[in-house]
């Protein structure tokens, strides 16, 4: 079990990332509605991912994770994470370029720093791990949105319900290290959990409906 200090540090990282201004993301005004995405660049935008990064990558589950943020009791914004992320990513450089994501997140990897809360999140009140052991995202379309940003549409399946979502995805780098070809992305989007049938605490106002999701991905070329 990780120490409380380490968990606090781990959760502070995505908070800083989420609050920092990003290229292609709004710096003020109203928040985008759940399932929506900020305005992006022109259709003529091109990819900054190098052509040499073309290929299929397996998600490195050691250096990838997903964070979620939700309002608690109308006061603080609570962060949790999923420590297990699996799947593949593919980059095709022809034309304006194309990205493909096929991501799986086992519910068993949910982590908050509190065992009781972890178990509650795995229960039928929330993610219902016994009946739905994983959530998935499969991209359907991706287009460059200026600079390192991409607009990625796809299908998110949670609690057996599939809904379209749009994520803003940032290309964070590509390298050759320790004999491996690596690529990295960071995705952010917002959903309403009630759209997927997760309504615990929504009507009472104890837990927010909108959930912000930040996913950090590092892949190893297959």
Protein backbone atom coordinates (compact mmCIF):
# COMPACT_ATOMS: atom_id res chain seq x y z
CA UNK A 1 0.00 0.00 0.00
CA UNK A 2 1.37 3.41 -0.90
CA UNK A 3 1.92 5.99 1.79
CA UNK A 4 -0.56 8.84 2.16
CA UNK A 5 2.10 11.37 1.18
CA UNK A 6 2.90 9.53 -2.05
CA UNK A 7 -0.79 9.31 -3.00
CA UNK A 8 -1.24 13.02 -2.36
CA UNK A 9 1.75 13.80 -4.56
CA UNK A 10 0.48 11.52 -7.33
CA UNK A 11 -2.95 13.14 -7.31
CA UNK A 12 -1.45 16.65 -7.33
CA UNK A 13 0.26 16.06 -10.68
CA UNK A 14 -2.89 15.74 -12.83
CA UNK A 15 -4.45 18.69 -10.98
CA UNK A 16 -1.58 20.90 -12.12
CA UNK A 17 -1.84 19.54 -15.62
CA UNK A 18 -5.57 20.09 -15.78
CA UNK A 19 -5.36 23.68 -14.51
CA UNK A 20 -2.41 24.75 -16.66
CA UNK A 21 -3.33 26.58 -19.91
CA UNK A 22 -2.85 24.37 -22.95
CA UNK A 23 -2.47 25.07 -26.61
CA UNK A 24 -5.89 24.73 -28.21
CA UNK A 25 -7.70 24.78 -24.85
CA UNK A 26 -9.72 27.66 -23.38
CA UNK A 27 -8.09 29.79 -20.66
CA UNK A 28 -11.26 31.35 -19.28
CA UNK A 29 -15.02 31.56 -19.54
CA UNK A 30 -17.53 28.76 -19.15
CA UNK A 31 -16.43 25.14 -19.00
CA UNK A 32 -17.27 22.90 -21.97
CA UNK A 33 -20.39 20.82 -21.49
CA UNK A 34 -19.99 17.16 -20.72
CA UNK A 35 -19.08 15.17 -23.81
CA UNK A 36 -18.03 18.31 -25.65
CA UNK A 37 -14.65 19.68 -26.60
CA UNK A 38 -13.16 23.17 -26.83
CA UNK A 39 -12.95 24.95 -30.18
CA UNK A 40 -10.05 23.69 -32.24
CA UNK A 41 -7.92 24.94 -35.11
CA UNK A 42 -8.80 25.05 -38.78
CA UNK A 43 -9.38 21.99 -40.91
CA UNK A 44 -6.00 22.71 -42.52
CA UNK A 45 -4.14 21.96 -39.29
CA UNK A 46 -1.40 19.37 -39.65
CA UNK A 47 0.23 16.95 -37.23
CA UNK A 48 3.43 17.72 -35.35
CA UNK A 49 4.04 14.01 -34.73
CA UNK A 50 7.14 12.97 -36.69
CA UNK A 51 6.60 10.53 -39.57
CA UNK A 52 9.24 8.29 -38.02
CA UNK A 53 6.80 7.64 -35.15
CA UNK A 54 4.42 5.78 -37.48
CA UNK A 55 3.32 2.40 -36.21
CA UNK A 56 1.34 0.53 -33.58
CA UNK A 57 2.16 0.86 -29.89
CA UNK A 58 1.19 -1.25 -26.89
CA UNK A 59 0.21 0.79 -23.84
CA UNK A 60 2.92 0.65 -21.16
CA UNK A 61 0.85 -0.12 -18.08
CA UNK A 62 3.67 0.96 -15.76
CA UNK A 63 3.85 4.51 -17.12
CA UNK A 64 0.18 5.04 -18.05
CA UNK A 65 -2.78 5.86 -15.84
CA UNK A 66 -6.18 7.55 -15.81
CA UNK A 67 -7.35 10.20 -13.35
CA UNK A 68 -10.88 11.35 -12.64
CA UNK A 69 -12.23 14.42 -10.83
CA UNK A 70 -15.71 14.92 -9.35
CA UNK A 71 -17.40 17.46 -7.07
CA UNK A 72 -17.92 16.21 -3.50
CA UNK A 73 -20.69 17.55 -1.22
CA UNK A 74 -20.83 20.77 -3.24
CA UNK A 75 -17.42 21.75 -1.90
CA UNK A 76 -14.13 20.16 -2.91
CA UNK A 77 -13.16 18.48 -6.15
CA UNK A 78 -12.06 14.95 -5.40
CA UNK A 79 -9.45 13.13 -7.51
CA UNK A 80 -9.05 9.39 -7.93
CA UNK A 81 -7.17 7.26 -10.40
CA UNK A 82 -7.07 3.98 -12.27
CA UNK A 83 -3.63 2.44 -12.02
CA UNK A 84 -4.21 -0.20 -14.69
CA UNK A 85 -4.46 0.84 -18.34
CA UNK A 86 -4.18 -1.53 -21.30
CA UNK A 87 -4.63 -1.34 -25.06
CA UNK A 88 -3.02 -0.11 -28.26
CA UNK A 89 -2.37 3.15 -30.08
CA UNK A 90 -1.59 3.64 -33.77
CA UNK A 91 -0.22 6.58 -35.73
CA UNK A 92 -0.51 6.79 -39.52
CA UNK A 93 1.35 9.84 -40.93
CA UNK A 94 -0.09 9.87 -44.47
CA UNK A 95 -1.95 13.05 -45.41
CA UNK A 96 -2.83 15.14 -42.37
CA UNK A 97 -2.15 12.10 -40.21
CA UNK A 98 -4.40 9.81 -38.24
CA UNK A 99 -4.49 8.42 -34.71
CA UNK A 100 -6.25 5.32 -33.44
CA UNK A 101 -6.85 4.39 -29.81
CA UNK A 102 -8.20 1.13 -28.39
CA UNK A 103 -7.99 1.49 -24.62
CA UNK A 104 -9.14 -0.78 -21.79
CA UNK A 105 -9.21 0.22 -18.12
CA UNK A 106 -9.81 -2.57 -15.55
CA UNK A 107 -12.01 -1.40 -12.69
CA UNK A 108 -9.84 -3.40 -10.29
CA UNK A 109 -7.21 -0.67 -10.65
CA UNK A 110 -9.29 2.11 -9.07
CA UNK A 111 -7.30 3.83 -6.32
CA UNK A 112 -8.14 6.71 -3.99
CA UNK A 113 -5.78 6.19 -1.07
CA UNK A 114 -8.61 4.77 1.04
CA UNK A 115 -9.48 1.06 1.02
CA UNK A 116 -13.12 1.56 2.02
CA UNK A 117 -13.66 4.10 -0.73
CA UNK A 118 -11.89 1.87 -3.26
CA UNK A 119 -14.27 -0.97 -2.40
CA UNK A 120 -17.32 1.30 -2.57
CA UNK A 121 -16.32 2.50 -6.04
CA UNK A 122 -16.08 -1.14 -7.17
CA UNK A 123 -19.59 -1.86 -5.84
CA UNK A 124 -22.90 -1.68 -7.76
CA UNK A 125 -23.34 1.90 -6.49
CA UNK A 126 -20.61 2.99 -8.89
CA UNK A 127 -18.54 0.87 -11.31
CA UNK A 128 -20.08 -2.53 -10.45
CA UNK A 129 -16.82 -4.39 -11.05
CA UNK A 130 -18.29 -7.90 -10.74
CA UNK A 131 -20.67 -7.39 -13.64
CA UNK A 132 -18.59 -4.91 -15.66
CA UNK A 133 -14.90 -5.57 -14.95
CA UNK A 134 -13.56 -2.94 -17.36
CA UNK A 135 -14.40 0.23 -19.23
CA UNK A 136 -13.23 0.80 -22.80
CA UNK A 137 -12.62 3.59 -25.29
CA UNK A 138 -12.31 2.97 -29.02
CA UNK A 139 -11.64 5.91 -31.32
CA UNK A 140 -13.71 6.43 -34.46
CA UNK A 141 -12.13 9.59 -35.86
CA UNK A 142 -9.09 11.77 -35.18
CA UNK A 143 -7.95 15.02 -36.73
CA UNK A 144 -5.12 17.48 -36.02
CA UNK A 145 -6.30 20.51 -34.06
CA UNK A 146 -3.23 22.71 -34.25
CA UNK A 147 0.20 22.34 -32.68
CA UNK A 148 0.46 19.18 -30.61
CA UNK A 149 -3.30 18.90 -30.13
CA UNK A 150 -5.71 16.41 -31.72
CA UNK A 151 -9.48 16.14 -31.63
CA UNK A 152 -10.38 12.49 -31.12
CA UNK A 153 -13.93 11.14 -31.33
CA UNK A 154 -14.72 7.71 -30.02
CA UNK A 155 -17.05 5.37 -28.14
CA UNK A 156 -16.76 5.06 -24.36
CA UNK A 157 -18.31 1.95 -22.82
CA UNK A 158 -19.01 2.06 -19.10
CA UNK A 159 -21.43 -0.15 -17.12
CA UNK A 160 -22.38 -1.82 -20.39
CA UNK A 161 -23.54 1.48 -21.92
CA UNK A 162 -21.76 2.93 -24.95
CA UNK A 163 -21.81 6.68 -25.63
CA UNK A 164 -19.86 8.90 -28.04
CA UNK A 165 -17.31 11.23 -26.47
CA UNK A 166 -14.82 13.74 -27.84
CA UNK A 167 -11.40 14.12 -26.24
CA UNK A 168 -8.70 16.69 -26.74
CA UNK A 169 -5.49 14.71 -27.02
CA UNK A 170 -2.02 16.19 -26.74
CA UNK A 171 0.99 14.53 -28.36
CA UNK A 172 3.59 14.72 -25.57
CA UNK A 173 6.61 13.20 -27.30
CA UNK A 174 8.29 10.35 -29.15
CA UNK A 175 11.71 8.91 -28.44
CA UNK A 176 14.09 5.99 -28.63
CA UNK A 177 15.13 4.95 -25.15
CA UNK A 178 16.58 1.78 -23.65
CA UNK A 179 16.24 -0.03 -26.95
CA UNK A 180 12.54 0.82 -27.30
CA UNK A 181 10.55 3.15 -29.56
CA UNK A 182 8.20 5.18 -27.37
CA UNK A 183 5.31 7.60 -27.90
CA UNK A 184 3.21 9.59 -25.45
CA UNK A 185 -0.20 11.26 -25.34
CA UNK A 186 -2.40 12.95 -22.76
CA UNK A 187 -6.17 13.05 -23.23
CA UNK A 188 -8.83 15.09 -21.42
CA UNK A 189 -12.61 14.97 -21.63
CA UNK A 190 -15.72 15.38 -19.48
CA UNK A 191 -18.71 13.05 -19.16
CA UNK A 192 -21.95 12.89 -17.22
CA UNK A 193 -21.86 9.63 -15.30
CA UNK A 194 -25.67 9.52 -15.19
CA UNK A 195 -25.60 9.05 -18.99
CA UNK A 196 -24.08 5.63 -18.27
CA UNK A 197 -26.50 4.74 -15.48
CA UNK A 198 -24.23 5.73 -12.59
CA UNK A 199 -26.58 7.89 -10.52
CA UNK A 200 -25.48 7.31 -6.92
CA UNK A 201 -25.43 10.66 -5.10
CA UNK A 202 -26.55 12.71 -8.10
CA UNK A 203 -30.14 13.49 -7.04
CA UNK A 204 -29.07 14.25 -3.48
CA UNK A 205 -26.30 16.52 -4.74
CA UNK A 206 -23.72 14.75 -2.61
CA UNK A 207 -21.59 13.73 -5.58
CA UNK A 208 -21.40 15.60 -8.86
CA UNK A 209 -22.71 14.24 -12.14
CA UNK A 210 -19.99 15.69 -14.36
CA UNK A 211 -16.67 13.88 -14.21
CA UNK A 212 -13.47 15.21 -15.70
CA UNK A 213 -11.11 12.53 -16.99
CA UNK A 214 -7.38 12.92 -17.71
CA UNK A 215 -5.55 9.96 -19.23
CA UNK A 216 -1.78 9.79 -19.57
CA UNK A 217 -0.57 7.22 -22.11
CA UNK A 218 2.89 5.98 -22.96
CA UNK A 219 3.24 3.34 -25.65
CA UNK A 220 5.97 0.94 -26.76
CA UNK A 221 6.17 0.21 -30.49
CA UNK A 222 5.13 -3.33 -31.27
